[in-house]
Amino acid sequence: MDPELAALLTELVEKVGLLRRDLQQKGDLEKYEARIARIEQKFSALAERISRTDPGLAKVLRTAWQLPARSLAFRNVAHQKKP
């Protein structure tokens, strides 16, 4: 996959993951549970499809979904190390 497209997709997944985490922390996740479940189902299908051709990107995307703050922190560190 094009690296720029992969980066944009990762950022999108992080943002949705952060939203899911915020809903959970605020106690509002129950209200949107069905919608989040459908998003997670579609995301899982996308990650599975991507893993066929780019397992590394699929792993990055799964991390961005499951642990968005960690994913974002690692991306920020990598960005700061660039010359």
PDB file of N, CA and C in Angstrom:
ATOM      1  N   MET A   1       0.859  -1.177   0.000  1.00  0.00           N
ATOM      2  CA  MET A   1       0.000   0.000   0.000  1.00  0.00           C
ATOM      3  C   MET A   1       0.900   1.233   0.000  1.00  0.00           C
ATOM      4  N   ASP A   2       0.434   2.252  -0.630  1.00  0.00           N
ATOM      5  CA  ASP A   2       1.130   3.541  -0.662  1.00  0.00           C
ATOM      6  C   ASP A   2       1.362   4.019   0.772  1.00  0.00           C
ATOM      7  N   PRO A   3       2.601   4.388   1.132  1.00  0.00           N
ATOM      8  CA  PRO A   3       2.887   4.804   2.509  1.00  0.00           C
ATOM      9  C   PRO A   3       2.045   5.988   2.988  1.00  0.00           C
ATOM     10  N   GLU A   4       1.769   6.927   2.114  1.00  0.00           N
ATOM     11  CA  GLU A   4       0.947   8.077   2.513  1.00  0.00           C
ATOM     12  C   GLU A   4      -0.477   7.634   2.838  1.00  0.00           C
ATOM     13  N   LEU A   5      -1.021   6.745   2.018  1.00  0.00           N
ATOM     14  CA  LEU A   5      -2.361   6.214   2.261  1.00  0.00           C
ATOM     15  C   LEU A   5      -2.389   5.392   3.549  1.00  0.00           C
ATOM     16  N   ALA A   6      -1.344   4.600   3.782  1.00  0.00           N
ATOM     17  CA  ALA A   6      -1.262   3.798   5.009  1.00  0.00           C
ATOM     18  C   ALA A   6      -1.227   4.710   6.236  1.00  0.00           C
ATOM     19  N   ALA A   7      -0.485   5.805   6.159  1.00  0.00           N
ATOM     20  CA  ALA A   7      -0.405   6.745   7.282  1.00  0.00           C
ATOM     21  C   ALA A   7      -1.759   7.397   7.545  1.00  0.00           C
ATOM     22  N   LEU A   8      -2.452   7.794   6.498  1.00  0.00           N
ATOM     23  CA  LEU A   8      -3.777   8.406   6.659  1.00  0.00           C
ATOM     24  C   LEU A   8      -4.776   7.414   7.255  1.00  0.00           C
ATOM     25  N   LEU A   9      -4.718   6.183   6.793  1.00  0.00           N
ATOM     26  CA  LEU A   9      -5.615   5.151   7.310  1.00  0.00           C
ATOM     27  C   LEU A   9      -5.325   4.887   8.789  1.00  0.00           C
ATOM     28  N   THR A  10      -4.048   4.832   9.145  1.00  0.00           N
ATOM     29  CA  THR A  10      -3.661   4.627  10.545  1.00  0.00           C
ATOM     30  C   THR A  10      -4.173   5.765  11.419  1.00  0.00           C
ATOM     31  N   GLU A  11      -4.026   6.990  10.943  1.00  0.00           N
ATOM     32  CA  GLU A  11      -4.513   8.147  11.706  1.00  0.00           C
ATOM     33  C   GLU A  11      -6.023   8.090  11.893  1.00  0.00           C
ATOM     34  N   LEU A  12      -6.744   7.710  10.860  1.00  0.00           N
ATOM     35  CA  LEU A  12      -8.201   7.589  10.953  1.00  0.00           C
ATOM     36  C   LEU A  12      -8.590   6.540  11.993  1.00  0.00           C
ATOM     37  N   VAL A  13      -7.940   5.396  11.941  1.00  0.00           N
ATOM     38  CA  VAL A  13      -8.246   4.326  12.895  1.00  0.00           C
ATOM     39  C   VAL A  13      -7.924   4.778  14.320  1.00  0.00           C
ATOM     40  N   GLU A  14      -6.817   5.498  14.503  1.00  0.00           N
ATOM     41  CA  GLU A  14      -6.488   6.027  15.827  1.00  0.00           C
ATOM     42  C   GLU A  14      -7.572   6.960  16.337  1.00  0.00           C
ATOM     43  N   LYS A  15      -8.052   7.828  15.484  1.00  0.00           N
ATOM     44  CA  LYS A  15      -9.077   8.795  15.918  1.00  0.00           C
ATOM     45  C   LYS A  15     -10.352   8.085  16.343  1.00  0.00           C
ATOM     46  N   VAL A  16     -10.763   7.088  15.576  1.00  0.00           N
ATOM     47  CA  VAL A  16     -11.969   6.338  15.938  1.00  0.00           C
ATOM     48  C   VAL A  16     -11.718   5.537  17.218  1.00  0.00           C
ATOM     49  N   GLY A  17     -10.518   4.984  17.345  1.00  0.00           N
ATOM     50  CA  GLY A  17     -10.161   4.261  18.563  1.00  0.00           C
ATOM     51  C   GLY A  17     -10.161   5.168  19.780  1.00  0.00           C
ATOM     52  N   LEU A  18      -9.665   6.389  19.617  1.00  0.00           N
ATOM     53  CA  LEU A  18      -9.677   7.358  20.721  1.00  0.00           C
ATOM     54  C   LEU A  18     -11.108   7.744  21.094  1.00  0.00           C
ATOM     55  N   LEU A  19     -11.958   7.891  20.100  1.00  0.00           N
ATOM     56  CA  LEU A  19     -13.364   8.195  20.362  1.00  0.00           C
ATOM     57  C   LEU A  19     -14.015   7.057  21.145  1.00  0.00           C
ATOM     58  N   ARG A  20     -13.746   5.818  20.725  1.00  0.00           N
ATOM     59  CA  ARG A  20     -14.290   4.644  21.429  1.00  0.00           C
ATOM     60  C   ARG A  20     -13.805   4.635  22.879  1.00  0.00           C
ATOM     61  N   ARG A  21     -12.517   4.897  23.086  1.00  0.00           N
ATOM     62  CA  ARG A  21     -11.949   4.926  24.435  1.00  0.00           C
ATOM     63  C   ARG A  21     -12.589   6.031  25.271  1.00  0.00           C
ATOM     64  N   ASP A  22     -12.773   7.215  24.683  1.00  0.00           N
ATOM     65  CA  ASP A  22     -13.405   8.319  25.414  1.00  0.00           C
ATOM     66  C   ASP A  22     -14.837   7.984  25.802  1.00  0.00           C
ATOM     67  N   LEU A  23     -15.575   7.368  24.892  1.00  0.00           N
ATOM     68  CA  LEU A  23     -16.946   6.960  25.210  1.00  0.00           C
ATOM     69  C   LEU A  23     -16.955   5.960  26.361  1.00  0.00           C
ATOM     70  N   GLN A  24     -15.996   5.062  26.338  1.00  0.00           N
ATOM     71  CA  GLN A  24     -15.907   4.059  27.398  1.00  0.00           C
ATOM     72  C   GLN A  24     -15.571   4.712  28.733  1.00  0.00           C
ATOM     73  N   GLN A  25     -14.622   5.627  28.743  1.00  0.00           N
ATOM     74  CA  GLN A  25     -14.211   6.273  29.986  1.00  0.00           C
ATOM     75  C   GLN A  25     -15.305   7.160  30.569  1.00  0.00           C
ATOM     76  N   LYS A  26     -16.111   7.754  29.707  1.00  0.00           N
ATOM     77  CA  LYS A  26     -17.181   8.634  30.171  1.00  0.00           C
ATOM     78  C   LYS A  26     -18.458   7.869  30.509  1.00  0.00           C
ATOM     79  N   GLY A  27     -18.451   6.564  30.255  1.00  0.00           N
ATOM     80  CA  GLY A  27     -19.625   5.758  30.556  1.00  0.00           C
ATOM     81  C   GLY A  27     -20.713   5.831  29.506  1.00  0.00           C
ATOM     82  N   ASP A  28     -20.397   6.362  28.349  1.00  0.00           N
ATOM     83  CA  ASP A  28     -21.386   6.494  27.279  1.00  0.00           C
ATOM     84  C   ASP A  28     -21.313   5.368  26.249  1.00  0.00           C
ATOM     85  N   LEU A  29     -20.389   4.440  26.423  1.00  0.00           N
ATOM     86  CA  LEU A  29     -20.206   3.390  25.432  1.00  0.00           C
ATOM     87  C   LEU A  29     -21.456   2.531  25.277  1.00  0.00           C
ATOM     88  N   GLU A  30     -22.158   2.283  26.360  1.00  0.00           N
ATOM     89  CA  GLU A  30     -23.367   1.457  26.302  1.00  0.00           C
ATOM     90  C   GLU A  30     -24.392   2.045  25.340  1.00  0.00           C
ATOM     91  N   LYS A  31     -24.466   3.355  25.321  1.00  0.00           N
ATOM     92  CA  LYS A  31     -25.419   4.059  24.473  1.00  0.00           C
ATOM     93  C   LYS A  31     -25.139   3.829  22.983  1.00  0.00           C
ATOM     94  N   TYR A  32     -23.846   3.686  22.649  1.00  0.00           N
ATOM     95  CA  TYR A  32     -23.430   3.541  21.251  1.00  0.00           C
ATOM     96  C   TYR A  32     -22.837   2.163  20.977  1.00  0.00           C
ATOM     97  N   GLU A  33     -23.085   1.231  21.869  1.00  0.00           N
ATOM     98  CA  GLU A  33     -22.465  -0.086  21.787  1.00  0.00           C
ATOM     99  C   GLU A  33     -22.700  -0.787  20.448  1.00  0.00           C
ATOM    100  N   ALA A  34     -23.903  -0.747  19.939  1.00  0.00           N
ATOM    101  CA  ALA A  34     -24.207  -1.420  18.674  1.00  0.00           C
ATOM    102  C   ALA A  34     -23.453  -0.776  17.510  1.00  0.00           C
ATOM    103  N   ARG A  35     -23.378   0.527  17.495  1.00  0.00           N
ATOM    104  CA  ARG A  35     -22.660   1.215  16.421  1.00  0.00           C
ATOM    105  C   ARG A  35     -21.170   0.911  16.475  1.00  0.00           C
ATOM    106  N   ILE A  36     -20.620   0.950  17.677  1.00  0.00           N
ATOM    107  CA  ILE A  36     -19.198   0.655  17.843  1.00  0.00           C
ATOM    108  C   ILE A  36     -18.916  -0.794  17.439  1.00  0.00           C
ATOM    109  N   ALA A  37     -19.809  -1.692  17.776  1.00  0.00           N
ATOM    110  CA  ALA A  37     -19.644  -3.103  17.409  1.00  0.00           C
ATOM    111  C   ALA A  37     -19.627  -3.267  15.888  1.00  0.00           C
ATOM    112  N   ARG A  38     -20.483  -2.529  15.189  1.00  0.00           N
ATOM    113  CA  ARG A  38     -20.503  -2.612  13.722  1.00  0.00           C
ATOM    114  C   ARG A  38     -19.222  -2.019  13.126  1.00  0.00           C
ATOM    115  N   ILE A  39     -18.756  -0.930  13.715  1.00  0.00           N
ATOM    116  CA  ILE A  39     -17.500  -0.329  13.255  1.00  0.00           C
ATOM    117  C   ILE A  39     -16.359  -1.325  13.469  1.00  0.00           C
ATOM    118  N   GLU A  40     -16.331  -1.946  14.635  1.00  0.00           N
ATOM    119  CA  GLU A  40     -15.275  -2.915  14.932  1.00  0.00           C
ATOM    120  C   GLU A  40     -15.331  -4.104  13.986  1.00  0.00           C
ATOM    121  N   GLN A  41     -16.525  -4.538  13.639  1.00  0.00           N
ATOM    122  CA  GLN A  41     -16.689  -5.654  12.706  1.00  0.00           C
ATOM    123  C   GLN A  41     -16.127  -5.288  11.339  1.00  0.00           C
ATOM    124  N   LYS A  42     -16.451  -4.101  10.845  1.00  0.00           N
ATOM    125  CA  LYS A  42     -15.937  -3.650   9.549  1.00  0.00           C
ATOM    126  C   LYS A  42     -14.427  -3.452   9.599  1.00  0.00           C
ATOM    127  N   PHE A  43     -13.943  -2.902  10.720  1.00  0.00           N
ATOM    128  CA  PHE A  43     -12.506  -2.711  10.857  1.00  0.00           C
ATOM    129  C   PHE A  43     -11.782  -4.056  10.841  1.00  0.00           C
ATOM    130  N   SER A  44     -12.310  -5.046  11.544  1.00  0.00           N
ATOM    131  CA  SER A  44     -11.683  -6.373  11.577  1.00  0.00           C
ATOM    132  C   SER A  44     -11.606  -6.976  10.181  1.00  0.00           C
ATOM    133  N   ALA A  45     -12.665  -6.813   9.411  1.00  0.00           N
ATOM    134  CA  ALA A  45     -12.663  -7.320   8.033  1.00  0.00           C
ATOM    135  C   ALA A  45     -11.606  -6.590   7.200  1.00  0.00           C
ATOM    136  N   LEU A  46     -11.494  -5.285   7.385  1.00  0.00           N
ATOM    137  CA  LEU A  46     -10.489  -4.499   6.668  1.00  0.00           C
ATOM    138  C   LEU A  46      -9.080  -4.945   7.057  1.00  0.00           C
ATOM    139  N   ALA A  47      -8.816  -5.085   8.354  1.00  0.00           N
ATOM    140  CA  ALA A  47      -7.490  -5.501   8.819  1.00  0.00           C
ATOM    141  C   ALA A  47      -7.149  -6.899   8.301  1.00  0.00           C
ATOM    142  N   GLU A  48      -8.127  -7.788   8.284  1.00  0.00           N
ATOM    143  CA  GLU A  48      -7.900  -9.140   7.772  1.00  0.00           C
ATOM    144  C   GLU A  48      -7.535  -9.102   6.289  1.00  0.00           C
ATOM    145  N   ARG A  49      -8.238  -8.295   5.537  1.00  0.00           N
ATOM    146  CA  ARG A  49      -7.957  -8.167   4.097  1.00  0.00           C
ATOM    147  C   ARG A  49      -6.571  -7.576   3.859  1.00  0.00           C
ATOM    148  N   ILE A  50      -6.216  -6.554   4.622  1.00  0.00           N
ATOM    149  CA  ILE A  50      -4.906  -5.922   4.471  1.00  0.00           C
ATOM    150  C   ILE A  50      -3.794  -6.884   4.868  1.00  0.00           C
ATOM    151  N   SER A  51      -4.047  -7.740   5.861  1.00  0.00           N
ATOM    152  CA  SER A  51      -3.013  -8.664   6.337  1.00  0.00           C
ATOM    153  C   SER A  51      -2.584  -9.655   5.259  1.00  0.00           C
ATOM    154  N   ARG A  52      -3.410  -9.877   4.274  1.00  0.00           N
ATOM    155  CA  ARG A  52      -3.047 -10.790   3.182  1.00  0.00           C
ATOM    156  C   ARG A  52      -1.890 -10.242   2.353  1.00  0.00           C
ATOM    157  N   THR A  53      -1.840  -8.937   2.200  1.00  0.00           N
ATOM    158  CA  THR A  53      -0.799  -8.334   1.368  1.00  0.00           C
ATOM    159  C   THR A  53       0.236  -7.555   2.169  1.00  0.00           C
ATOM    160  N   ASP A  54      -0.134  -7.078   3.360  1.00  0.00           N
ATOM    161  CA  ASP A  54       0.779  -6.275   4.165  1.00  0.00           C
ATOM    162  C   ASP A  54       0.534  -6.545   5.653  1.00  0.00           C
ATOM    163  N   PRO A  55       1.086  -7.645   6.164  1.00  0.00           N
ATOM    164  CA  PRO A  55       0.854  -7.995   7.572  1.00  0.00           C
ATOM    165  C   PRO A  55       1.341  -6.926   8.551  1.00  0.00           C
ATOM    166  N   GLY A  56       2.408  -6.229   8.214  1.00  0.00           N
ATOM    167  CA  GLY A  56       2.923  -5.181   9.088  1.00  0.00           C
ATOM    168  C   GLY A  56       1.931  -4.047   9.264  1.00  0.00           C
ATOM    169  N   LEU A  57       1.336  -3.612   8.163  1.00  0.00           N
ATOM    170  CA  LEU A  57       0.336  -2.545   8.226  1.00  0.00           C
ATOM    171  C   LEU A  57      -0.892  -3.015   9.008  1.00  0.00           C
ATOM    172  N   ALA A  58      -1.292  -4.254   8.802  1.00  0.00           N
ATOM    173  CA  ALA A  58      -2.447  -4.783   9.539  1.00  0.00           C
ATOM    174  C   ALA A  58      -2.181  -4.755  11.040  1.00  0.00           C
ATOM    175  N   LYS A  59      -0.958  -5.089  11.443  1.00  0.00           N
ATOM    176  CA  LYS A  59      -0.602  -5.059  12.859  1.00  0.00           C
ATOM    177  C   LYS A  59      -0.650  -3.630  13.393  1.00  0.00           C
ATOM    178  N   VAL A  60      -0.134  -2.673  12.623  1.00  0.00           N
ATOM    179  CA  VAL A  60      -0.159  -1.265  13.023  1.00  0.00           C
ATOM    180  C   VAL A  60      -1.604  -0.790  13.173  1.00  0.00           C
ATOM    181  N   LEU A  61      -2.460  -1.163  12.240  1.00  0.00           N
ATOM    182  CA  LEU A  61      -3.866  -0.754  12.295  1.00  0.00           C
ATOM    183  C   LEU A  61      -4.582  -1.372  13.499  1.00  0.00           C
ATOM    184  N   ARG A  62      -4.295  -2.626  13.777  1.00  0.00           N
ATOM    185  CA  ARG A  62      -4.923  -3.270  14.942  1.00  0.00           C
ATOM    186  C   ARG A  62      -4.492  -2.591  16.238  1.00  0.00           C
ATOM    187  N   THR A  63      -3.210  -2.239  16.308  1.00  0.00           N
ATOM    188  CA  THR A  63      -2.717  -1.515  17.485  1.00  0.00           C
ATOM    189  C   THR A  63      -3.400  -0.156  17.592  1.00  0.00           C
ATOM    190  N   ALA A  64      -3.546   0.522  16.451  1.00  0.00           N
ATOM    191  CA  ALA A  64      -4.199   1.838  16.439  1.00  0.00           C
ATOM    192  C   ALA A  64      -5.645   1.725  16.919  1.00  0.00           C
ATOM    193  N   TRP A  65      -6.318   0.631  16.637  1.00  0.00           N
ATOM    194  CA  TRP A  65      -7.694   0.445  17.071  1.00  0.00           C
ATOM    195  C   TRP A  65      -7.768   0.063  18.552  1.00  0.00           C
ATOM    196  N   GLN A  66      -6.940  -0.899  18.948  1.00  0.00           N
ATOM    197  CA  GLN A  66      -7.026  -1.422  20.307  1.00  0.00           C
ATOM    198  C   GLN A  66      -6.351  -0.520  21.337  1.00  0.00           C
ATOM    199  N   LEU A  67      -5.239   0.092  20.963  1.00  0.00           N
ATOM    200  CA  LEU A  67      -4.464   0.939  21.872  1.00  0.00           C
ATOM    201  C   LEU A  67      -4.124   2.254  21.173  1.00  0.00           C
ATOM    202  N   PRO A  68      -5.119   3.075  20.897  1.00  0.00           N
ATOM    203  CA  PRO A  68      -4.877   4.273  20.085  1.00  0.00           C
ATOM    204  C   PRO A  68      -3.896   5.261  20.699  1.00  0.00           C
ATOM    205  N   ALA A  69      -3.913   5.422  22.004  1.00  0.00           N
ATOM    206  CA  ALA A  69      -2.991   6.371  22.639  1.00  0.00           C
ATOM    207  C   ALA A  69      -1.546   5.893  22.478  1.00  0.00           C
ATOM    208  N   ARG A  70      -1.334   4.601  22.633  1.00  0.00           N
ATOM    209  CA  ARG A  70       0.011   4.043  22.460  1.00  0.00           C
ATOM    210  C   ARG A  70       0.469   4.187  21.017  1.00  0.00           C
ATOM    211  N   SER A  71      -0.407   3.885  20.089  1.00  0.00           N
ATOM    212  CA  SER A  71      -0.092   4.019  18.672  1.00  0.00           C
ATOM    213  C   SER A  71       0.297   5.454  18.336  1.00  0.00           C
ATOM    214  N   LEU A  72      -0.488   6.389  18.842  1.00  0.00           N
ATOM    215  CA  LEU A  72      -0.224   7.803  18.603  1.00  0.00           C
ATOM    216  C   LEU A  72       1.117   8.214  19.219  1.00  0.00           C
ATOM    217  N   ALA A  73       1.402   7.736  20.405  1.00  0.00           N
ATOM    218  CA  ALA A  73       2.669   8.068  21.067  1.00  0.00           C
ATOM    219  C   ALA A  73       3.852   7.545  20.262  1.00  0.00           C
ATOM    220  N   PHE A  74       3.763   6.319  19.782  1.00  0.00           N
ATOM    221  CA  PHE A  74       4.851   5.763  18.980  1.00  0.00           C
ATOM    222  C   PHE A  74       5.022   6.529  17.672  1.00  0.00           C
ATOM    223  N   ARG A  75       3.921   6.911  17.051  1.00  0.00           N
ATOM    224  CA  ARG A  75       4.015   7.695  15.813  1.00  0.00           C
ATOM    225  C   ARG A  75       4.659   9.047  16.082  1.00  0.00           C
ATOM    226  N   ASN A  76       4.299   9.682  17.195  1.00  0.00           N
ATOM    227  CA  ASN A  76       4.883  10.982  17.537  1.00  0.00           C
ATOM    228  C   ASN A  76       6.382  10.872  17.768  1.00  0.00           C
ATOM    229  N   VAL A  77       6.821   9.828  18.458  1.00  0.00           N
ATOM    230  CA  VAL A  77       8.258   9.620  18.697  1.00  0.00           C
ATOM    231  C   VAL A  77       8.969   9.408  17.368  1.00  0.00           C
ATOM    232  N   ALA A  78       8.392   8.596  16.500  1.00  0.00           N
ATOM    233  CA  ALA A  78       9.008   8.341  15.199  1.00  0.00           C
ATOM    234  C   ALA A  78       9.078   9.632  14.383  1.00  0.00           C
ATOM    235  N   HIS A  79       8.057  10.444  14.470  1.00  0.00           N
ATOM    236  CA  HIS A  79       8.038  11.710  13.741  1.00  0.00           C
ATOM    237  C   HIS A  79       9.112  12.665  14.268  1.00  0.00           C
ATOM    238  N   GLN A  80       9.312  12.677  15.563  1.00  0.00           N
ATOM    239  CA  GLN A  80      10.306  13.567  16.167  1.00  0.00           C
ATOM    240  C   GLN A  80      11.727  13.142  15.823  1.00  0.00           C
ATOM    241  N   LYS A  81      11.936  11.861  15.549  1.00  0.00           N
ATOM    242  CA  LYS A  81      13.261  11.366  15.209  1.00  0.00           C
ATOM    243  C   LYS A  81      13.654  11.659  13.774  1.00  0.00           C
ATOM    244  N   LYS A  82      12.684  11.990  12.933  1.00  0.00           N
ATOM    245  CA  LYS A  82      12.997  12.283  11.528  1.00  0.00           C
ATOM    246  C   LYS A  82      13.852  13.532  11.450  1.00  0.00           C
ATOM    247  N   PRO A  83      14.855  13.523  10.527  1.00  0.00           N
ATOM    248  CA  PRO A  83      15.737  14.687  10.408  1.00  0.00           C
ATOM    249  C   PRO A  83      15.039  15.923   9.876  1.00  0.00           C
TER     250      PRO A  83
END
